[in-house]
Protein backbone atom coordinates (compact mmCIF):
# COMPACT_ATOMS: atom_id res chain seq x y z
CA MET A 1 87.43 99.80 81.11
CA THR A 2 85.27 102.89 82.08
CA ASP A 3 83.87 103.78 85.64
CA GLU A 4 80.62 102.94 84.32
CA GLN A 5 81.58 99.56 83.10
CA LEU A 6 83.75 99.00 86.41
CA VAL A 7 80.34 99.88 88.85
CA GLU A 8 78.65 97.80 86.27
CA ARG A 9 80.66 94.56 86.93
CA MET A 10 80.87 95.42 90.92
CA ARG A 11 77.25 95.07 90.42
CA SER A 12 77.09 92.00 88.88
CA LEU A 13 79.71 90.75 91.53
CA ALA A 14 77.56 91.54 94.16
CA GLU A 15 74.40 89.57 92.69
CA ALA A 16 76.47 86.72 92.37
CA ALA A 17 78.17 86.81 95.92
CA PRO A 18 76.68 87.14 99.32
CA ALA A 19 75.56 90.60 99.85
CA ILE A 20 78.22 92.07 104.26
CA SER A 21 81.36 95.66 106.55
CA VAL A 22 83.82 95.00 108.31
CA ASP A 23 85.06 96.30 111.79
CA ARG A 24 87.88 97.80 110.09
CA GLU A 25 89.86 98.05 113.72
CA LYS A 26 91.78 95.05 113.00
CA VAL A 27 92.57 95.86 109.05
CA LEU A 28 93.62 98.99 109.97
CA ALA A 29 96.29 97.00 112.65
CA ALA A 30 97.41 94.92 110.43
CA GLY A 31 98.20 97.03 107.84
CA ARG A 32 100.01 99.27 110.52
CA ARG A 33 103.30 99.77 108.76
CA ARG A 34 102.25 100.47 105.10
CA ARG A 35 99.25 103.30 106.82
CA THR A 36 102.01 104.20 108.76
CA LEU A 37 104.33 105.32 106.19
CA ARG A 38 101.53 107.26 104.08
CA ALA A 39 100.35 109.21 106.98
CA ALA A 40 103.76 110.10 107.56
CA GLY A 41 104.21 110.74 103.80
CA VAL A 42 107.36 109.18 103.53
CA THR A 43 108.34 109.07 99.98
CA GLY A 44 111.51 108.68 97.90
CA GLY A 45 113.81 111.32 96.51
CA VAL A 46 116.33 113.85 98.43
CA GLY A 47 114.43 114.78 101.36
CA VAL A 48 113.53 111.61 104.06
CA LEU A 49 111.38 111.78 106.76
CA CYS A 50 112.50 109.62 110.31
CA THR A 51 110.95 109.40 113.03
CA GLY A 52 113.36 107.32 114.86
CA LEU A 53 113.04 103.86 115.59
CA VAL A 54 112.46 103.77 119.62
CA VAL A 55 111.73 100.98 121.21
CA GLY A 56 108.54 101.21 123.39
CA ALA A 57 109.30 100.18 127.58
CA LEU A 58 106.83 99.83 130.57
CA ALA A 59 108.60 100.07 133.72
CA TRP A 60 105.96 98.51 136.46
CA ALA A 61 105.05 100.54 140.11
CA GLY A 62 103.83 98.69 143.05
CA PRO A 63 103.55 97.05 145.96
CA LEU A 64 106.14 94.17 146.64
CA LEU A 65 104.64 90.49 146.32
CA GLU A 66 102.72 88.94 148.75
CA GLY A 67 104.20 85.52 150.44
CA PRO A 68 106.52 83.44 149.31
CA VAL A 69 107.40 81.54 146.33
CA GLU A 70 109.93 78.92 146.29
CA PRO A 71 112.43 79.94 143.40
CA LEU A 72 114.17 77.38 140.76
CA PRO A 73 117.30 77.13 140.57
CA ALA A 74 118.99 80.42 139.79
CA SER A 75 120.91 81.37 136.43
CA SER A 76 124.57 82.22 136.76
CA GLY A 77 124.04 85.14 134.64
CA GLU A 78 126.90 84.57 132.57
CA PRO A 79 126.69 84.26 128.71
CA THR A 80 127.01 81.21 126.60
CA ALA A 81 130.69 80.43 126.17
CA ASP A 82 130.39 78.45 123.24
CA PRO A 83 127.87 80.56 120.75
CA SER A 84 126.74 77.35 118.58
CA GLU A 85 124.97 76.37 122.43
CA ALA A 86 122.19 78.32 121.58
CA ASP A 87 120.93 75.97 119.29
CA ASP A 88 121.20 72.72 121.36
CA PRO A 89 118.39 70.91 121.09
CA LEU A 90 116.14 69.83 124.54
CA PRO A 91 116.31 66.81 126.54
CA ASP A 92 114.21 64.42 125.82
CA ASP A 93 112.23 64.70 128.98
CA ALA A 94 111.89 69.03 128.82
CA SER A 95 108.19 68.80 127.36
CA GLY A 96 105.26 67.74 128.94
CA PRO A 97 102.57 69.16 131.91
CA GLN A 98 104.11 71.41 134.59
CA SER A 99 104.32 70.72 137.64
CA TRP A 100 102.95 73.61 140.00
CA ASP A 101 99.76 74.90 141.25
CA VAL A 102 97.67 77.10 139.20
CA HIS A 103 95.86 79.68 140.65
CA PRO A 104 91.94 79.03 140.76
CA PRO A 105 89.37 80.33 138.05
CA SER A 106 86.85 82.90 138.85
CA PRO A 107 83.53 82.32 138.46
CA ASP A 108 82.16 81.72 134.72
CA ASP A 109 79.50 83.91 135.45
CA GLY A 110 79.22 85.85 132.62
CA GLU A 111 81.29 89.00 134.59
CA HIS A 112 84.32 87.19 134.65
CA ALA A 113 87.38 86.11 132.45
CA VAL A 114 87.56 82.75 131.32
CA VAL A 115 91.04 82.16 131.74
CA ASP A 116 91.76 78.41 129.19
CA TYR A 117 95.33 78.01 129.94
CA GLU A 118 95.24 74.68 127.74
CA ALA A 119 93.54 76.35 124.57
CA GLY A 120 95.90 79.62 124.66
CA THR A 121 92.20 81.87 124.74
CA ILE A 122 90.80 84.08 127.31
CA TRP A 123 87.00 84.70 126.88
CA LEU A 124 85.57 88.44 127.93
CA PRO A 125 82.00 89.78 128.15
CA MET A 126 82.30 91.65 125.38
CA ASP A 127 83.21 88.82 123.27
CA ASP A 128 79.15 88.03 123.68
CA TRP A 129 78.57 91.18 121.84
CA ALA A 130 81.05 91.67 119.29
CA ALA A 131 83.81 89.39 116.91
CA ASP A 132 86.39 87.81 119.12
CA PRO A 133 90.17 87.84 117.11
CA GLU A 134 89.12 84.23 115.33
CA GLN A 135 86.09 85.67 114.09
CA GLN A 136 87.37 88.76 113.19
CA ALA A 137 89.95 86.83 111.50
CA VAL A 138 86.92 85.24 109.03
CA ILE A 139 85.26 88.58 108.58
CA ASP A 140 88.76 90.22 107.36
CA THR A 141 89.90 87.75 105.60
CA ALA A 142 86.24 87.90 103.42
CA GLU A 143 86.91 91.53 102.95
CA ARG A 144 90.01 91.21 101.50
CA TYR A 145 89.07 88.37 99.38
CA LEU A 146 86.01 90.64 97.86
CA HIS A 147 88.56 93.72 98.20
CA ILE A 148 90.95 91.74 95.57
CA GLU A 149 88.42 90.52 93.12
CA CYS A 150 87.20 94.56 92.31
CA LEU A 151 90.68 95.24 91.83
CA THR A 152 91.62 92.37 89.94
CA GLU A 153 88.50 93.49 87.06
CA ALA A 154 89.59 96.56 87.52
CA GLY A 155 92.69 95.84 85.89
CA TYR A 156 95.50 95.15 88.73
CA GLY A 157 95.53 91.64 89.17
CA ASP A 158 99.39 91.27 88.97
CA GLU A 159 99.65 93.44 92.10
CA VAL A 160 97.52 91.60 94.03
CA GLU A 161 97.27 88.09 95.43
CA PHE A 162 94.67 86.29 97.32
CA VAL A 163 96.61 83.29 99.81
CA GLY A 164 94.08 82.30 102.08
CA MET A 165 92.98 82.75 105.81
CA GLU A 166 93.92 86.08 107.98
CA GLU A 167 95.37 84.59 111.30
CA PRO A 168 93.65 86.34 114.36
CA LEU A 169 95.50 89.13 115.44
CA GLY A 170 94.44 89.17 119.35
CA PHE A 171 95.38 92.64 121.08
CA ARG A 172 94.56 91.14 124.40
CA TYR A 173 97.01 88.54 124.51
CA ARG A 174 100.13 90.89 123.01
CA GLY A 175 100.63 92.31 126.73
CA LEU A 176 101.11 88.79 128.20
CA GLY A 177 104.11 87.56 127.32
CA LEU A 178 104.86 83.95 127.46
CA TRP A 179 102.14 81.95 129.75
CA THR A 180 100.14 78.69 128.81
CA ASP A 181 102.20 75.32 129.23
CA ALA A 182 102.47 75.35 125.62
CA ASP A 183 103.84 78.20 125.35
CA VAL A 184 107.04 76.74 127.83
CA ASP A 185 107.94 74.70 124.47
CA ALA A 186 107.25 77.40 122.06
CA GLY A 187 109.58 79.64 123.80
CA TYR A 188 109.74 83.47 123.11
CA GLN A 189 109.83 83.72 119.65
CA ALA A 190 106.10 82.71 120.05
CA ALA A 191 105.33 86.33 122.55
CA VAL A 192 107.40 88.18 119.84
CA ASP A 193 104.74 86.56 117.17
CA ARG A 194 101.62 88.38 119.91
CA GLY A 195 103.03 91.58 119.62
CA ALA A 196 105.53 91.24 122.56
CA TYR A 197 107.48 93.88 121.04
CA TRP A 198 104.75 95.66 118.79
CA PHE A 199 103.48 94.74 115.14
CA ASP A 200 106.08 96.67 113.61
CA ILE A 201 108.56 93.76 113.21
CA ASP A 202 108.90 91.53 109.95
CA GLY A 203 106.48 88.83 109.75
CA VAL A 204 104.23 90.08 112.90
CA GLY A 205 100.58 91.13 111.79
CA GLU A 206 101.70 91.48 108.73
CA PRO A 207 98.05 90.28 106.78
CA VAL A 208 98.51 87.01 104.91
CA ASN A 209 96.45 88.51 101.93
CA ASP A 210 98.02 91.55 99.29
CA VAL A 211 95.47 94.51 98.53
CA SER A 212 98.30 97.21 97.71
CA ILE A 213 98.77 98.31 94.67
CA GLU A 214 101.32 101.05 93.27
CA GLY A 215 99.87 104.26 93.55
CA ASP A 216 96.79 102.92 96.14
CA ASN A 217 97.89 106.10 98.60
CA GLY A 218 97.77 108.99 95.83
CA PHE A 219 94.95 110.82 94.28
CA GLY A 220 94.83 109.52 90.91
CA GLN A 221 93.27 106.89 89.25
CA PRO A 222 94.89 103.77 91.25
CA GLY A 223 93.53 105.16 94.48
CA GLU A 224 90.30 106.11 93.22
CA ASP A 225 90.18 102.57 92.42
CA TRP A 226 91.34 101.13 95.65
CA GLY A 227 89.35 103.53 97.73
CA ARG A 228 86.17 102.34 95.61
CA CYS A 229 87.05 98.15 95.77
CA SER A 230 87.73 98.58 99.63
CA GLU A 231 83.92 100.90 100.26
CA TRP A 232 82.23 98.10 98.05
CA ALA A 233 84.17 95.11 99.18
CA THR A 234 83.13 96.34 102.70
CA GLU A 235 79.01 97.12 101.76
CA GLN A 236 79.26 93.25 100.42
CA LEU A 237 79.65 91.80 103.80
CA SER A 238 77.75 94.49 105.80
CA GLY A 239 74.56 94.51 103.07
CA LEU A 240 75.02 98.02 103.90
CA THR A 241 76.11 101.36 101.89
CA GLU A 242 78.41 103.39 103.59
CA ALA A 243 76.07 106.09 104.85
CA GLU A 244 73.77 103.54 105.97
CA ARG A 245 76.40 101.87 107.96
CA LEU A 246 77.48 105.43 109.13
CA ALA A 247 74.01 105.62 110.52
CA THR A 248 74.09 102.93 112.51
CA ALA A 249 74.48 102.86 116.81
CA GLN A 250 77.73 100.67 116.17
CA ALA A 251 79.32 103.33 114.05
CA GLN A 252 78.68 106.40 115.85
CA GLY A 253 80.09 104.82 118.50
CA THR A 254 79.82 105.81 122.35
CA GLU A 255 81.16 109.04 124.10
CA SER A 256 83.17 106.60 126.38
CA GLY A 257 84.18 103.26 126.64
CA THR A 258 86.96 100.70 128.20
CA GLY A 259 90.37 101.68 127.38
CA ASP A 260 93.81 99.48 126.68
CA TYR A 261 93.80 95.96 128.38
CA ALA A 262 94.43 95.71 131.70
CA VAL A 263 98.44 94.51 131.23
CA ASP A 264 98.53 97.44 129.01
CA VAL A 265 98.02 100.16 131.31
CA LEU A 266 101.08 101.77 132.44
CA THR A 267 103.47 104.30 130.72
CA PRO A 268 107.02 104.30 129.81
CA ARG A 269 107.31 106.32 133.30
CA GLY A 270 105.05 103.13 135.58
CA VAL A 271 102.18 105.77 135.69
CA PRO A 272 98.53 105.06 134.69
CA ASP A 273 97.52 107.10 132.20
CA PRO A 274 93.72 107.82 133.72
CA ALA A 275 92.64 109.50 129.94
CA PHE A 276 92.68 105.64 128.96
CA ASP A 277 92.65 104.01 131.64
CA ASP A 278 89.48 102.38 133.69
CA PRO A 279 89.42 103.68 137.46
CA GLN A 280 90.15 100.01 138.72
CA VAL A 281 92.73 98.85 136.56
CA ALA A 282 94.44 101.72 137.27
CA ALA A 283 94.25 101.20 140.38
CA HIS A 284 95.06 97.87 140.96
CA GLY A 285 97.21 96.61 137.71
CA PRO A 286 100.08 98.13 138.68
CA ALA A 287 100.32 95.82 141.78
CA ILE A 288 99.12 92.53 140.02
CA ILE A 289 102.09 93.13 137.65
CA GLU A 290 104.52 93.72 140.54
CA GLU A 291 103.93 90.42 141.75
CA TRP A 292 104.68 88.71 138.74
CA ASP A 293 108.26 91.50 138.46
CA GLU A 294 109.22 90.53 142.07
CA CYS A 295 109.02 86.60 141.60
CA LEU A 296 110.22 86.86 138.29
CA VAL A 297 113.52 87.97 140.39
CA ALA A 298 112.94 85.70 142.71
CA GLU A 299 113.15 83.16 140.36
CA GLY A 300 116.80 84.06 139.07
CA GLY A 301 115.10 86.37 136.12
CA ARG A 302 114.40 90.04 135.63
CA PRO A 303 111.47 91.82 133.76
CA ASP A 304 112.77 93.37 130.05
CA ARG A 305 112.11 97.29 130.38
CA GLU A 306 112.05 97.06 126.61
CA ALA A 307 109.48 94.74 126.14
CA GLN A 308 105.52 95.79 125.67
CA ALA A 309 104.50 92.81 127.47
CA LEU A 310 105.61 90.90 130.51
CA THR A 311 108.89 89.08 129.09
CA PRO A 312 111.52 88.41 131.14
CA ASP A 313 115.43 89.83 130.35
CA GLY A 314 118.24 88.58 128.30
CA VAL A 315 116.05 86.15 126.35
CA LEU A 316 115.87 88.16 122.98
CA ASP A 317 118.44 90.69 121.18
CA LEU A 318 116.01 93.39 119.72
CA MET A 319 118.74 94.67 117.64
CA GLY A 320 120.59 91.26 116.55
CA GLY A 321 118.61 91.50 113.43
CA TYR A 322 120.88 94.26 112.16
CA THR A 323 124.05 94.66 110.40
CA ALA A 324 127.03 96.29 111.79
CA GLU A 325 126.39 99.13 108.95
CA GLN A 326 122.66 99.28 109.75
CA LEU A 327 123.83 99.84 113.67
CA GLU A 328 126.26 102.70 112.42
CA ILE A 329 123.63 103.93 110.51
CA MET A 330 120.28 104.08 113.32
CA GLU A 331 122.77 105.67 115.50
CA SER A 332 123.60 108.57 113.13
CA VAL A 333 120.17 109.40 112.44
CA TRP A 334 119.31 108.86 116.14
CA ALA A 335 122.14 111.60 117.22
CA HIS A 336 121.04 113.98 113.98
CA GLU A 337 116.97 113.70 114.84
CA ARG A 338 117.97 114.32 118.09
CA ALA A 339 119.95 117.76 117.43
CA ILE A 340 117.35 118.88 114.69
CA ILE A 341 114.62 118.80 117.50
CA GLU A 342 116.67 120.53 120.39
CA GLU A 343 117.06 123.12 118.03
CA ASN A 344 113.66 123.46 116.50
CA ASP A 345 111.56 123.35 120.04
CA GLY A 346 110.98 119.85 119.55
CA ALA A 347 110.04 119.78 115.96
CA LEU A 348 111.54 116.91 113.77
CA GLY A 349 110.63 117.85 109.93
CA ARG A 350 111.62 116.74 106.66
CA TRP A 351 115.52 116.34 106.13
CA ASP A 352 118.58 115.31 103.86
CA PRO A 353 120.03 112.11 104.65
CA ALA A 354 123.43 113.56 102.54
CA GLU A 355 123.36 116.20 105.78
CA ILE A 356 125.03 113.20 108.01
CA GLY A 357 126.88 111.55 104.87
CA TYR A 358 124.23 108.97 103.63
CA THR A 359 122.09 108.58 100.86
CA ALA A 360 118.17 108.39 100.57
CA GLU A 361 118.57 104.76 99.66
CA ASP A 362 121.05 103.61 102.60
CA LEU A 363 118.35 104.90 104.90
CA THR A 364 115.70 102.83 103.11
CA PHE A 365 115.66 100.11 105.53
CA LEU A 366 114.25 102.19 108.42
CA ASP A 367 111.07 102.60 106.42
CA GLU A 368 110.96 98.33 106.29
CA PRO A 369 109.89 95.92 109.39
CA ARG A 370 112.12 95.79 111.74
CA PRO A 371 114.27 92.34 111.89
CA ARG A 372 112.93 89.77 114.37
CA PRO A 373 114.81 89.92 117.62
CA VAL A 374 117.55 87.22 118.02
CA SER A 375 117.11 84.49 120.44
CA VAL A 376 120.01 84.21 123.09
CA GLY A 377 121.44 82.25 125.72
CA GLY A 378 120.37 78.54 124.67
CA ALA A 379 117.45 76.53 124.14
CA VAL A 380 117.91 75.23 127.98
CA GLU A 381 118.46 78.36 129.83
CA GLU A 382 115.73 79.85 127.47
CA ARG A 383 113.24 76.99 128.70
CA ARG A 384 114.20 77.36 132.38
CA ILE A 385 113.38 80.95 132.55
CA ALA A 386 109.92 80.31 130.22
CA GLU A 387 109.38 77.65 133.05
CA ALA A 388 109.80 80.61 135.66
CA ASP A 389 107.78 83.47 133.86
CA VAL A 390 104.86 81.04 133.09
CA ARG A 391 105.00 79.63 136.64
CA CYS A 392 104.89 82.86 138.43
CA LYS A 393 102.03 83.88 135.87
CA GLN A 394 100.12 80.86 136.75
CA GLU A 395 100.43 79.99 140.28
CA LEU A 396 99.92 84.04 140.95
CA GLY A 397 97.10 84.41 138.66
CA ILE A 398 98.26 86.98 136.83
CA VAL A 399 96.68 86.60 133.53
CA GLN A 400 93.39 85.64 135.67
CA ARG A 401 93.41 88.94 137.82
CA LEU A 402 94.54 91.14 134.88
CA ALA A 403 91.65 89.72 132.79
CA ASP A 404 89.10 90.09 135.40
CA LEU A 405 90.04 94.03 135.40
CA ASP A 406 89.39 93.58 131.78
CA ALA A 407 85.64 91.71 132.79
CA ALA A 408 84.46 93.99 134.93
CA ALA A 409 85.52 97.24 132.99
CA GLN A 410 83.89 95.38 130.24
CA VAL A 411 80.62 94.62 131.91
CA LYS A 412 79.74 98.52 133.15
CA TYR A 413 80.73 99.72 129.66
CA ILE A 414 78.12 97.03 127.93
CA ALA A 415 75.48 98.18 130.80
CA ASP A 416 76.17 101.89 129.74
CA ASN A 417 75.83 101.22 126.11
CA PRO A 418 73.14 98.94 125.41
CA GLU A 419 72.10 100.43 121.83
CA TYR A 420 75.27 100.55 120.59
CA PHE A 421 76.25 97.05 121.99
CA ALA A 422 72.67 95.57 120.65
CA SER A 423 73.86 97.28 117.22
CA ARG A 424 77.48 95.50 117.14
CA LYS A 425 76.37 92.24 117.43
CA GLU A 426 73.98 92.26 114.73
CA TYR A 427 76.28 93.94 112.59
CA ASP A 428 79.19 91.64 113.55
CA SER A 429 76.94 88.70 113.24
CA THR A 430 75.84 89.57 109.89
CA MET A 431 79.42 90.05 108.67
CA LEU A 432 80.87 87.03 110.37
CA ALA A 433 77.67 84.83 108.63
CA ARG A 434 78.00 86.41 105.12
CA ALA A 435 82.21 85.84 105.34
CA VAL A 436 81.45 82.76 105.84
CA GLU A 437 79.28 82.21 103.37
CA VAL A 438 81.74 84.24 100.74
CA LEU A 439 85.07 81.69 101.55
CA THR A 440 82.81 79.04 101.37
CA ASP A 441 81.52 79.71 97.84
CA ALA A 442 85.46 80.64 97.31
CA GLY A 443 86.76 76.96 98.26
CA VAL A 444 88.18 78.25 101.07
CA ASP A 445 88.73 76.04 104.08
CA VAL A 446 87.19 78.50 106.64
CA PRO A 447 87.65 77.57 110.50
CA ASP A 448 84.65 76.93 113.06
CA VAL A 449 84.57 79.69 114.94
CA GLY A 450 80.86 79.52 116.55
CA GLU A 451 78.57 82.57 116.32
CA ILE A 452 78.91 85.14 118.03
CA GLY A 453 77.46 85.49 121.80
């Protein structure tokens, strides 16, 4: 098929399908691993560029907990004697409503967060002006559907696959760990799925629908076709050409904006980063998080300093999914990279695996998603810790108070940028409406996610 024939075919598809772009933030996040590898220039062959597998850490700082919290019975801290006990079933009466008091909700006045422990959702003011995670998942699914249709027409049908609805990727929930009643029953693998240890873990945050083709990161024909089809799919959803989209206020963005969510405000050293954090969040966020920290300690647990979320220590083994051989390779890689960095004033370049006695094939697992953390300690002990964790968060209102900081920052941000948000709402609303039409016409069962605002 020539370029002219492809363009003509795409035009015919555009006339047959409801004419929408997507906010690409989530799409980029969902495809993080592949795009990261592209940006790093990781390729096969003799040389391998390694950047390490350091797990991000958060160390919280702030005042001690004010007011006593009656602790649950403390754990002995001893490991399970029989490893098989890790799979012991919970007692029949283990699940059900919790018995503790929940911190009073904030007023539902459009300026505070609305925390729904039963549904496991948090409404924030920007949800009146932009697609929420569930709505964005519908948009992303439609964009990928059209992208795959285009690539199929271009001759790549054997490499791409449309499966169905993408999963919502809610960054606002990533850093909270477990916080709902249902989370107590689900356990800490639920926190893994939300990105508590980020999204480079196998099966976490990966897109459902495969739009990758061989050579799509290059400058040859496959790369050109992939980019052209991506842009075409976006145009069908937005109803705008790329030039028209870039001229909108929502595409031009704002000079300033909200930073990370309040639960994410701290660097590994526990110091708020003023370059990204709202001053109120930086001032009050650490103290709120410290209350959870102290409460968890009083309940017989302790915070996990390696998690990028409010998660207790000792419930997951982050390295448990690796083989002994892989762990040995990683130790060698880390030691070698540290030596290179010291010798080159902090620079780490491409190096040959043969330098440490391995082949490029031996190190391929480092470029793949990390294996899931392994649950440890047994189901009964995990539930005990989960109850203490969620109880602390609910009784002290940790989630509500952190979300209220986010809400306050967003209210100011919206007021400071009315043109941007008016454009953003119109743009996202168009995308969502047309995405629903595209997927419905394709026979996809689309969840009811309502309208924006």
